[in-house]
Amino acid sequence: MKIIFNEKEKNALTKKIYLYIFKEDNVPDEVLESAICESYCDDEHTYKTFEEIPMEYKIEAIEDCCTASGMEFEDYDDILNFFHKKFKH
């Protein structure tokens, strides 16, 4: 059965997935999060926290990584459910 996440749960799980996907050995989450924020900054936008980055950018990056790794999902809710199950085990 597919779990439907509320916005708070979706935001928290999206952050966890994003940090999991882009995690590098011996790099603390705080440093990784800072680097992610910098990667989205441009002349018009500056993001100091992960939460400030628009959700559509985070979803697009996660979907692109899943597709690049050969994982196929019907929609973002399926991705959330997949990783939710993965993190529980």
C-alpha atoms as a PDB file:
ATOM      1  CA  MET A   1       0.000   0.000   0.000  1.00  0.00           C
ATOM      2  CA  LYS A   2       1.263   3.421  -0.984  1.00  0.00           C
ATOM      3  CA  ILE A   3       1.797   5.923   1.827  1.00  0.00           C
ATOM      4  CA  ILE A   4       0.672   9.496   1.185  1.00  0.00           C
ATOM      5  CA  PHE A   5       2.975  11.907   3.003  1.00  0.00           C
ATOM      6  CA  ASN A   6       1.927  15.316   4.299  1.00  0.00           C
ATOM      7  CA  GLU A   7       4.065  18.339   3.370  1.00  0.00           C
ATOM      8  CA  LYS A   8       6.178  18.219   6.537  1.00  0.00           C
ATOM      9  CA  GLU A   9       6.905  14.509   6.056  1.00  0.00           C
ATOM     10  CA  LYS A  10       7.559  15.012   2.343  1.00  0.00           C
ATOM     11  CA  ASN A  11      10.053  17.813   3.060  1.00  0.00           C
ATOM     12  CA  ALA A  12      11.885  15.806   5.713  1.00  0.00           C
ATOM     13  CA  LEU A  13      12.040  12.668   3.573  1.00  0.00           C
ATOM     14  CA  THR A  14      13.141  14.645   0.508  1.00  0.00           C
ATOM     15  CA  LYS A  15      16.053  16.079   2.499  1.00  0.00           C
ATOM     16  CA  LYS A  16      17.006  12.638   3.792  1.00  0.00           C
ATOM     17  CA  ILE A  17      16.873  11.164   0.266  1.00  0.00           C
ATOM     18  CA  TYR A  18      18.863  14.048  -1.208  1.00  0.00           C
ATOM     19  CA  LEU A  19      21.608  13.773   1.402  1.00  0.00           C
ATOM     20  CA  TYR A  20      21.661   9.984   0.991  1.00  0.00           C
ATOM     21  CA  ILE A  21      22.012  10.172  -2.793  1.00  0.00           C
ATOM     22  CA  PHE A  22      24.781  12.776  -2.753  1.00  0.00           C
ATOM     23  CA  LYS A  23      26.595  11.526   0.363  1.00  0.00           C
ATOM     24  CA  GLU A  24      30.360  11.255   0.117  1.00  0.00           C
ATOM     25  CA  ASP A  25      32.615   9.325   2.473  1.00  0.00           C
ATOM     26  CA  ASN A  26      33.969  11.371   5.369  1.00  0.00           C
ATOM     27  CA  VAL A  27      31.897  14.447   4.444  1.00  0.00           C
ATOM     28  CA  PRO A  28      29.618  15.559   7.278  1.00  0.00           C
ATOM     29  CA  ASP A  29      25.979  16.244   6.382  1.00  0.00           C
ATOM     30  CA  GLU A  30      26.401  19.914   7.323  1.00  0.00           C
ATOM     31  CA  VAL A  31      29.230  20.343   4.788  1.00  0.00           C
ATOM     32  CA  LEU A  32      27.287  18.467   2.129  1.00  0.00           C
ATOM     33  CA  GLU A  33      24.197  20.571   2.788  1.00  0.00           C
ATOM     34  CA  SER A  34      26.246  23.765   2.488  1.00  0.00           C
ATOM     35  CA  ALA A  35      27.741  22.599  -0.831  1.00  0.00           C
ATOM     36  CA  ILE A  36      24.269  21.718  -2.131  1.00  0.00           C
ATOM     37  CA  CYS A  37      23.010  25.189  -1.233  1.00  0.00           C
ATOM     38  CA  GLU A  38      25.962  26.813  -2.997  1.00  0.00           C
ATOM     39  CA  SER A  39      25.312  24.759  -6.126  1.00  0.00           C
ATOM     40  CA  TYR A  40      21.836  26.288  -6.443  1.00  0.00           C
ATOM     41  CA  CYS A  41      22.927  29.891  -5.862  1.00  0.00           C
ATOM     42  CA  ASP A  42      23.103  32.309  -8.765  1.00  0.00           C
ATOM     43  CA  ASP A  43      23.069  36.070  -9.295  1.00  0.00           C
ATOM     44  CA  GLU A  44      19.402  36.289  -8.297  1.00  0.00           C
ATOM     45  CA  HIS A  45      19.125  33.644  -5.577  1.00  0.00           C
ATOM     46  CA  THR A  46      21.139  32.769  -2.500  1.00  0.00           C
ATOM     47  CA  TYR A  47      20.203  29.738  -0.429  1.00  0.00           C
ATOM     48  CA  LYS A  48      21.666  29.417   3.050  1.00  0.00           C
ATOM     49  CA  THR A  49      19.722  26.313   4.104  1.00  0.00           C
ATOM     50  CA  PHE A  50      18.476  23.241   2.294  1.00  0.00           C
ATOM     51  CA  GLU A  51      14.911  24.168   3.176  1.00  0.00           C
ATOM     52  CA  GLU A  52      15.216  27.452   1.235  1.00  0.00           C
ATOM     53  CA  ILE A  53      15.864  25.610  -2.039  1.00  0.00           C
ATOM     54  CA  PRO A  54      12.579  25.293  -3.959  1.00  0.00           C
ATOM     55  CA  MET A  55      11.055  21.824  -3.673  1.00  0.00           C
ATOM     56  CA  GLU A  56      10.755  21.443  -7.451  1.00  0.00           C
ATOM     57  CA  TYR A  57      14.565  21.719  -7.766  1.00  0.00           C
ATOM     58  CA  LYS A  58      15.107  19.029  -5.149  1.00  0.00           C
ATOM     59  CA  ILE A  59      12.509  16.732  -6.697  1.00  0.00           C
ATOM     60  CA  GLU A  60      14.015  17.188 -10.156  1.00  0.00           C
ATOM     61  CA  ALA A  61      17.507  16.317  -8.885  1.00  0.00           C
ATOM     62  CA  ILE A  62      16.270  13.204  -7.090  1.00  0.00           C
ATOM     63  CA  GLU A  63      14.212  12.056 -10.089  1.00  0.00           C
ATOM     64  CA  ASP A  64      17.173  12.643 -12.425  1.00  0.00           C
ATOM     65  CA  CYS A  65      19.503  10.614 -10.180  1.00  0.00           C
ATOM     66  CA  CYS A  66      17.013   7.762  -9.956  1.00  0.00           C
ATOM     67  CA  THR A  67      16.591   7.724 -13.737  1.00  0.00           C
ATOM     68  CA  ALA A  68      20.360   7.888 -14.300  1.00  0.00           C
ATOM     69  CA  SER A  69      20.860   4.919 -12.007  1.00  0.00           C
ATOM     70  CA  GLY A  70      18.253   2.890 -13.911  1.00  0.00           C
ATOM     71  CA  MET A  71      15.521   3.131 -11.299  1.00  0.00           C
ATOM     72  CA  GLU A  72      12.066   3.722 -12.736  1.00  0.00           C
ATOM     73  CA  PHE A  73       9.192   5.205 -10.766  1.00  0.00           C
ATOM     74  CA  GLU A  74       5.723   6.268 -11.798  1.00  0.00           C
ATOM     75  CA  ASP A  75       5.874   9.516  -9.820  1.00  0.00           C
ATOM     76  CA  TYR A  76       7.636  11.261  -6.944  1.00  0.00           C
ATOM     77  CA  ASP A  77       5.325   9.636  -4.395  1.00  0.00           C
ATOM     78  CA  ASP A  78       6.669   6.250  -5.525  1.00  0.00           C
ATOM     79  CA  ILE A  79      10.217   7.496  -4.924  1.00  0.00           C
ATOM     80  CA  LEU A  80       9.229   8.687  -1.440  1.00  0.00           C
ATOM     81  CA  ASN A  81       7.672   5.317  -0.664  1.00  0.00           C
ATOM     82  CA  PHE A  82      10.690   3.393  -1.964  1.00  0.00           C
ATOM     83  CA  PHE A  83      13.158   5.335   0.179  1.00  0.00           C
ATOM     84  CA  HIS A  84      10.852   5.390   3.188  1.00  0.00           C
ATOM     85  CA  LYS A  85      10.872   1.583   3.147  1.00  0.00           C
ATOM     86  CA  LYS A  86      14.632   1.524   2.525  1.00  0.00           C
ATOM     87  CA  PHE A  87      15.358   3.802   5.488  1.00  0.00           C
ATOM     88  CA  LYS A  88      13.134   1.784   7.811  1.00  0.00           C
ATOM     89  CA  HIS A  89      15.235  -1.357   7.279  1.00  0.00           C
END
